[in-house]
Amino acid sequence: MLGQPAHAERGQTLPMWVVGILTTFTLLWFTLDYANAIRWQVRAQNAADAAASSLISLQTSRYDEMLMVLYSADIDEWRLRNLIEAMDLAVLSEGGCANSGTCSSDYSQLRTAYIKVLNRYTSEIELLQGVLGSTTLSAETAAANAIVTAQNGGTLCGQHNGWDCGFQYTLQVAPTPRTQVFTVEQDGASVDVGTPGVGTLATISQDLAPAHLEVVACANVHPLIPAFFKLAPAIFQAVGRADSTSAAVTQEWLQPGQLSFPSNDPKYAGLTMQPTEQYVTTQSIKYSNSYDWYGVTYGGSGWTAQTGTDPGYTQSVTQPEFAVTTSWFAPMPYPPSGDITLTAGQCK
């Protein structure tokens, strides 16, 4: 053996190379299979998150629609109150119209404006009632089930409002009112939730309570490489589970009579959002005590933020003020409830 030439030992490296190559390909195969499982699991969770947010937005969009219609109705109610006061003054020849002898014509113009605003206000209230009528748990459940059925049937595949079509979706928990819904009070110093006498547990209609729902997305996933030598991984299930709820995500406090559009607004640059409205033709001489009694002023006296040991806001009241405090709703993640067991046919 000692006398054999060196080239006689070269063939001994071939089995080592073969074993090394097979080991490398096996590890690569396991890596690809594992990466594929992770990719599908992440995709399943994203699909469930998107589906749950989409379905709960049936409620949040109605909440926001109600708030917008209510804001429009509030504006017109403010107009109506001011127009009624102006008509009363014109009938009594008060408010400045007697100076020009036009109280009768002023009353006629104010009455015409009042009827127009009243008709619009009536339409807004009817629209608000229509939105309220569709904001029920039964209606939201029926709509959510219809969307899930359409998605699973392929109707929404490829559409801008469709979900990931690689999964079968199940409405695991239908829209259900959240428990422990509190009223909230906020000022410049604090936000009070659950404080005795402030932010106490709210009692509201179950149809109007913020709801939550749960969606399961599931798919039977085949391996990228069905078999490698005698290794044949089984089909696995990629499951995503998500719960979403309605939540007030922003709070707005505004005086539209004091706010102006940005200077770069393409249509209303620099204009007051809710300017004073005039309903008589010669309003320039209709003033009494330097106040326009026949116009509709949204006013606002300007609030000043206070800092220091007692933060908050102060104002000097100099004119009527129309102020709005409201919230905007959006879907928010919510903890799923309990364990689930998948049934036959629940995965695509």
Protein backbone atom coordinates (compact mmCIF):
# COMPACT_ATOMS: atom_id res chain seq x y z
CA MET A 1 0.00 0.00 0.00
CA LEU A 2 2.79 2.35 0.80
CA GLY A 3 4.19 1.83 -2.63
CA GLN A 4 0.98 2.72 -4.53
CA PRO A 5 1.05 5.92 -6.60
CA ALA A 6 -0.93 8.94 -5.34
CA HIS A 7 -3.28 9.02 -8.34
CA ALA A 8 -4.77 5.67 -7.23
CA GLU A 9 -6.52 7.49 -4.26
CA ARG A 10 -8.35 10.10 -6.37
CA GLY A 11 -11.56 8.06 -6.82
CA GLN A 12 -12.19 8.00 -3.07
CA THR A 13 -13.44 11.65 -3.10
CA LEU A 14 -16.32 10.88 -5.50
CA PRO A 15 -18.60 9.25 -2.87
CA MET A 16 -17.94 12.18 -0.55
CA TRP A 17 -18.98 14.64 -3.27
CA VAL A 18 -22.13 12.64 -4.01
CA VAL A 19 -23.12 12.53 -0.33
CA GLY A 20 -22.37 16.24 0.05
CA ILE A 21 -24.41 17.18 -3.03
CA LEU A 22 -27.37 15.02 -1.94
CA THR A 23 -27.23 16.51 1.55
CA THR A 24 -27.16 20.03 0.09
CA PHE A 25 -30.15 19.37 -2.18
CA THR A 26 -32.04 17.76 0.69
CA LEU A 27 -31.44 20.77 2.92
CA LEU A 28 -32.41 23.07 0.05
CA TRP A 29 -35.61 21.10 -0.45
CA PHE A 30 -36.47 21.34 3.26
CA THR A 31 -35.69 25.08 3.19
CA LEU A 32 -37.91 25.69 0.18
CA ASP A 33 -40.74 23.67 1.70
CA TYR A 34 -40.45 25.55 5.00
CA ALA A 35 -40.25 28.93 3.28
CA ASN A 36 -43.32 28.04 1.22
CA ALA A 37 -45.24 27.16 4.38
CA ILE A 38 -44.26 30.44 6.04
CA ARG A 39 -45.17 32.42 2.91
CA TRP A 40 -48.62 30.85 2.76
CA GLN A 41 -49.19 31.32 6.47
CA VAL A 42 -48.33 35.03 6.25
CA ARG A 43 -50.54 35.32 3.19
CA ALA A 44 -53.40 33.59 5.02
CA GLN A 45 -53.13 35.97 7.98
CA ASN A 46 -53.04 39.00 5.68
CA ALA A 47 -56.12 37.68 3.86
CA ALA A 48 -58.01 37.19 7.12
CA ASP A 49 -57.01 40.64 8.40
CA ALA A 50 -58.16 42.31 5.18
CA ALA A 51 -61.44 40.37 5.11
CA ALA A 52 -62.31 41.15 8.74
CA SER A 53 -61.54 44.86 8.27
CA SER A 54 -63.57 44.90 5.08
CA LEU A 55 -66.63 43.35 6.71
CA ILE A 56 -66.61 45.48 9.86
CA SER A 57 -66.36 48.56 7.65
CA LEU A 58 -70.01 47.89 6.81
CA GLN A 59 -70.69 49.32 10.26
CA THR A 60 -67.98 51.99 10.40
CA SER A 61 -69.01 53.42 7.02
CA ARG A 62 -72.60 53.70 8.24
CA TYR A 63 -71.44 55.36 11.44
CA ASP A 64 -69.47 57.92 9.42
CA GLU A 65 -72.38 58.39 7.02
CA MET A 66 -74.69 59.06 9.96
CA LEU A 67 -72.25 61.63 11.34
CA MET A 68 -71.97 63.42 7.99
CA VAL A 69 -75.75 63.54 7.51
CA LEU A 70 -76.20 64.63 11.13
CA TYR A 71 -73.68 67.43 10.61
CA SER A 72 -75.58 68.62 7.51
CA ALA A 73 -78.85 68.50 9.45
CA ASP A 74 -77.28 70.46 12.32
CA ILE A 75 -76.18 73.18 9.90
CA ASP A 76 -79.73 73.47 8.55
CA GLU A 77 -81.23 73.38 12.05
CA TRP A 78 -78.99 76.33 12.93
CA ARG A 79 -80.25 78.12 9.81
CA LEU A 80 -83.86 77.40 10.75
CA ARG A 81 -83.45 78.75 14.29
CA ASN A 82 -81.86 81.95 13.00
CA LEU A 83 -84.41 82.41 10.21
CA ILE A 84 -87.32 81.97 12.65
CA GLU A 85 -85.81 84.63 14.90
CA ALA A 86 -85.27 86.93 11.92
CA MET A 87 -88.88 86.51 10.74
CA ASP A 88 -90.17 87.27 14.23
CA LEU A 89 -88.12 90.49 14.27
CA ALA A 90 -89.33 91.49 10.81
CA VAL A 91 -92.98 90.95 11.85
CA LEU A 92 -92.38 93.19 14.88
CA SER A 93 -90.48 95.75 12.75
CA GLU A 94 -87.41 95.12 14.84
CA GLY A 95 -83.79 94.39 14.00
CA GLY A 96 -83.30 97.37 11.69
CA CYS A 97 -85.82 96.85 8.86
CA ALA A 98 -87.99 99.73 10.10
CA ASN A 99 -85.17 102.15 9.26
CA SER A 100 -85.62 101.47 5.55
CA GLY A 101 -89.32 100.55 5.59
CA THR A 102 -88.69 97.09 4.11
CA CYS A 103 -89.92 94.86 6.93
CA SER A 104 -92.64 93.31 4.76
CA SER A 105 -90.31 92.45 1.85
CA ASP A 106 -87.64 91.25 4.27
CA TYR A 107 -90.14 88.92 5.91
CA SER A 108 -91.15 87.56 2.50
CA GLN A 109 -87.51 86.82 1.57
CA LEU A 110 -86.81 85.24 4.93
CA ARG A 111 -89.92 83.06 4.68
CA THR A 112 -88.90 81.84 1.21
CA ALA A 113 -85.46 80.92 2.55
CA TYR A 114 -87.02 79.23 5.60
CA ILE A 115 -89.24 76.97 3.48
CA LYS A 116 -86.29 76.00 1.26
CA VAL A 117 -84.11 75.15 4.25
CA LEU A 118 -86.96 73.29 5.97
CA ASN A 119 -87.48 71.07 2.93
CA ARG A 120 -83.79 70.26 2.80
CA TYR A 121 -83.72 69.59 6.55
CA THR A 122 -86.65 67.20 6.17
CA SER A 123 -84.81 65.30 3.42
CA GLU A 124 -81.72 65.04 5.62
CA ILE A 125 -83.70 63.64 8.53
CA GLU A 126 -85.36 61.11 6.22
CA LEU A 127 -81.92 60.11 4.92
CA LEU A 128 -80.65 59.77 8.49
CA GLN A 129 -83.61 57.54 9.36
CA GLY A 130 -82.85 55.40 6.32
CA VAL A 131 -79.24 54.95 7.39
CA LEU A 132 -80.35 54.12 10.93
CA GLY A 133 -82.81 51.56 9.58
CA SER A 134 -80.01 49.65 7.83
CA THR A 135 -77.65 49.88 10.80
CA THR A 136 -78.82 46.75 12.58
CA LEU A 137 -76.93 43.63 13.59
CA SER A 138 -79.22 41.45 11.46
CA ALA A 139 -78.70 43.64 8.38
CA GLU A 140 -74.93 43.74 8.90
CA THR A 141 -74.80 39.96 9.39
CA ALA A 142 -76.81 39.35 6.22
CA ALA A 143 -74.58 41.72 4.24
CA ALA A 144 -71.40 40.12 5.62
CA ASN A 145 -72.61 36.62 4.74
CA ALA A 146 -73.53 37.76 1.23
CA ILE A 147 -70.05 39.21 0.69
CA VAL A 148 -68.37 36.03 1.99
CA THR A 149 -70.56 33.90 -0.29
CA ALA A 150 -69.75 36.07 -3.31
CA GLN A 151 -66.03 35.95 -2.53
CA ASN A 152 -66.00 32.17 -2.09
CA GLY A 153 -67.98 31.78 -5.31
CA GLY A 154 -65.37 33.68 -7.31
CA THR A 155 -67.64 36.62 -8.16
CA LEU A 156 -65.23 39.16 -6.66
CA CYS A 157 -61.98 37.58 -7.89
CA GLY A 158 -59.88 40.11 -9.77
CA GLN A 159 -62.13 42.99 -8.70
CA HIS A 160 -60.85 46.05 -6.89
CA ASN A 161 -63.03 45.15 -3.89
CA GLY A 162 -62.17 41.44 -3.95
CA TRP A 163 -60.11 39.53 -1.42
CA ASP A 164 -57.28 37.05 -1.91
CA CYS A 165 -58.88 34.35 -4.05
CA GLY A 166 -56.45 31.67 -2.88
CA PHE A 167 -58.52 31.05 0.24
CA GLN A 168 -61.91 29.89 1.45
CA TYR A 169 -63.45 32.35 3.91
CA THR A 170 -65.71 31.69 6.88
CA LEU A 171 -67.54 34.24 9.00
CA GLN A 172 -66.55 32.51 12.23
CA VAL A 173 -68.18 35.07 14.53
CA ALA A 174 -71.04 37.17 13.17
CA PRO A 175 -71.22 40.88 14.09
CA THR A 176 -71.56 40.95 17.86
CA PRO A 177 -71.81 44.01 20.15
CA ARG A 178 -68.71 44.68 22.21
CA THR A 179 -69.04 44.62 25.95
CA GLN A 180 -67.66 47.31 28.23
CA VAL A 181 -68.42 50.28 25.99
CA PHE A 182 -67.68 53.49 27.90
CA THR A 183 -68.57 57.09 27.34
CA VAL A 184 -65.47 59.28 27.14
CA GLU A 185 -64.89 62.87 28.14
CA GLN A 186 -61.88 64.82 26.93
CA ASP A 187 -60.70 68.35 27.61
CA GLY A 188 -57.41 70.16 27.44
CA ALA A 189 -56.18 68.50 30.61
CA SER A 190 -57.18 64.85 30.40
CA VAL A 191 -59.16 62.03 28.84
CA ASP A 192 -61.60 60.47 31.31
CA VAL A 193 -62.70 56.87 30.74
CA GLY A 194 -64.49 54.95 33.46
CA THR A 195 -64.19 57.79 35.98
CA PRO A 196 -67.16 57.83 38.41
CA GLY A 197 -69.69 60.24 37.01
CA VAL A 198 -67.60 60.73 33.87
CA GLY A 199 -66.90 58.11 31.27
CA THR A 200 -69.27 55.60 32.87
CA LEU A 201 -70.48 52.41 31.23
CA ALA A 202 -72.78 53.39 28.39
CA THR A 203 -76.25 51.95 27.85
CA ILE A 204 -77.14 52.05 24.16
CA SER A 205 -79.12 50.07 21.62
CA GLN A 206 -77.41 46.81 20.66
CA ASP A 207 -77.90 47.69 16.99
CA LEU A 208 -75.88 50.88 17.47
CA ALA A 209 -73.21 49.42 19.73
CA PRO A 210 -69.74 49.01 18.19
CA ALA A 211 -69.56 45.41 16.99
CA HIS A 212 -66.77 42.97 16.30
CA LEU A 213 -66.61 39.96 13.98
CA GLU A 214 -64.15 37.19 13.19
CA VAL A 215 -63.07 35.75 9.84
CA VAL A 216 -61.11 32.59 9.07
CA ALA A 217 -59.21 32.21 5.78
CA CYS A 218 -58.00 28.70 4.90
CA ALA A 219 -56.30 26.99 1.96
CA ASN A 220 -54.95 23.50 1.32
CA VAL A 221 -51.40 24.12 0.12
CA HIS A 222 -49.46 21.69 -2.06
CA PRO A 223 -45.66 21.56 -1.65
CA LEU A 224 -43.54 23.27 -4.27
CA ILE A 225 -41.72 19.98 -5.01
CA PRO A 226 -44.15 17.07 -4.53
CA ALA A 227 -41.43 14.50 -3.84
CA PHE A 228 -37.68 14.28 -3.42
CA PHE A 229 -36.41 10.74 -3.71
CA LYS A 230 -38.60 8.95 -1.17
CA LEU A 231 -39.52 12.13 0.70
CA ALA A 232 -43.10 13.23 -0.05
CA PRO A 233 -44.49 15.97 2.21
CA ALA A 234 -48.22 16.08 2.83
CA ILE A 235 -50.57 18.85 1.82
CA PHE A 236 -50.83 21.34 4.68
CA GLN A 237 -53.42 23.93 5.67
CA ALA A 238 -52.58 27.61 5.74
CA VAL A 239 -54.98 29.22 8.21
CA GLY A 240 -55.46 32.89 8.98
CA ARG A 241 -57.74 34.15 11.71
CA ALA A 242 -58.64 37.76 12.42
CA ASP A 243 -61.14 39.72 14.48
CA SER A 244 -61.93 43.37 13.81
CA THR A 245 -64.09 45.95 15.55
CA SER A 246 -65.49 49.44 15.05
CA ALA A 247 -63.64 52.15 16.93
CA ALA A 248 -63.62 55.94 17.03
CA VAL A 249 -60.11 56.68 15.80
CA THR A 250 -60.21 60.48 15.70
CA GLN A 251 -62.08 63.24 17.49
CA GLU A 252 -62.91 66.50 15.77
CA TRP A 253 -63.72 69.82 17.41
CA LEU A 254 -64.29 72.67 15.00
CA GLN A 255 -66.01 75.98 14.49
CA PRO A 256 -66.73 76.14 10.74
CA GLY A 257 -67.48 79.86 10.99
CA GLN A 258 -63.89 80.44 12.13
CA LEU A 259 -62.03 78.02 9.84
CA SER A 260 -60.79 78.80 6.34
CA PHE A 261 -59.76 76.58 3.46
CA PRO A 262 -56.00 76.33 2.79
CA SER A 263 -54.51 78.95 0.52
CA ASN A 264 -53.59 76.26 -2.02
CA ASP A 265 -57.10 74.76 -2.22
CA PRO A 266 -57.95 74.55 -5.95
CA LYS A 267 -61.55 75.74 -5.52
CA TYR A 268 -62.06 77.52 -2.19
CA ALA A 269 -58.63 78.95 -1.44
CA GLY A 270 -58.73 81.19 1.65
CA LEU A 271 -62.53 81.18 1.94
CA THR A 272 -64.32 80.70 5.26
CA MET A 273 -65.77 77.21 5.49
CA GLN A 274 -69.14 78.41 6.75
CA PRO A 275 -69.42 82.14 6.07
CA THR A 276 -72.26 84.43 7.18
CA GLU A 277 -75.34 83.98 4.96
CA GLN A 278 -77.59 86.84 3.87
CA TYR A 279 -81.25 86.36 2.94
CA VAL A 280 -82.41 89.95 2.44
CA THR A 281 -81.26 92.14 -0.43
CA THR A 282 -80.44 95.36 1.47
CA GLN A 283 -78.74 93.87 4.49
CA SER A 284 -76.15 96.66 4.64
CA ILE A 285 -78.66 99.00 6.32
CA LYS A 286 -80.56 96.36 8.29
CA TYR A 287 -78.28 96.35 11.31
CA SER A 288 -79.38 97.13 14.85
CA ASN A 289 -76.84 97.62 17.60
CA SER A 290 -74.11 96.78 15.06
CA TYR A 291 -75.43 93.23 14.70
CA ASP A 292 -76.94 91.64 11.59
CA TRP A 293 -80.23 90.25 12.89
CA TYR A 294 -81.38 88.96 9.49
CA GLY A 295 -78.29 87.02 8.47
CA VAL A 296 -77.24 83.56 9.61
CA THR A 297 -73.89 83.79 11.39
CA TYR A 298 -71.97 80.68 12.39
CA GLY A 299 -69.71 82.82 14.49
CA GLY A 300 -67.25 81.45 16.91
CA SER A 301 -65.37 83.57 19.39
CA GLY A 302 -61.99 81.92 19.13
CA TRP A 303 -60.65 79.66 21.82
CA THR A 304 -57.23 80.13 23.40
CA ALA A 305 -55.21 77.16 24.60
CA GLN A 306 -53.99 77.46 28.17
CA THR A 307 -50.89 75.70 29.46
CA GLY A 308 -49.39 75.34 32.91
CA THR A 309 -50.83 73.76 36.04
CA ASP A 310 -54.43 74.07 34.80
CA PRO A 311 -54.38 73.42 31.04
CA GLY A 312 -57.48 73.85 28.97
CA TYR A 313 -59.19 76.38 26.70
CA THR A 314 -60.74 79.78 27.35
CA GLN A 315 -62.81 82.14 25.25
CA SER A 316 -64.67 85.42 25.49
CA VAL A 317 -68.19 85.04 24.15
CA THR A 318 -68.91 87.88 21.74
CA GLN A 319 -71.38 86.34 19.26
CA PRO A 320 -73.41 83.18 18.61
CA GLU A 321 -71.28 80.12 17.98
CA PHE A 322 -71.89 77.00 15.96
CA ALA A 323 -69.37 74.40 17.18
CA VAL A 324 -69.07 70.72 16.34
CA THR A 325 -67.60 67.86 18.33
CA THR A 326 -67.62 64.53 16.52
CA SER A 327 -65.64 61.37 15.88
CA TRP A 328 -64.71 59.30 12.84
CA PHE A 329 -64.87 55.51 12.93
CA ALA A 330 -62.59 52.93 11.33
CA PRO A 331 -61.88 49.19 11.66
CA MET A 332 -59.43 48.20 14.38
CA PRO A 333 -57.90 44.79 15.28
CA TYR A 334 -59.64 42.94 18.10
CA PRO A 335 -58.57 39.79 20.01
CA PRO A 336 -60.10 36.58 18.60
CA SER A 337 -62.19 34.61 21.07
CA GLY A 338 -61.27 31.04 22.07
CA ASP A 339 -60.04 28.09 20.00
CA ILE A 340 -61.53 27.02 16.69
CA THR A 341 -61.84 23.66 14.98
CA LEU A 342 -61.87 23.62 11.20
CA THR A 343 -64.61 21.59 9.56
CA ALA A 344 -64.62 19.72 6.28
CA GLY A 345 -64.94 22.05 3.32
CA GLN A 346 -63.70 25.08 5.26
CA CYS A 347 -60.40 25.15 3.33
CA LYS A 348 -59.98 25.85 -0.35
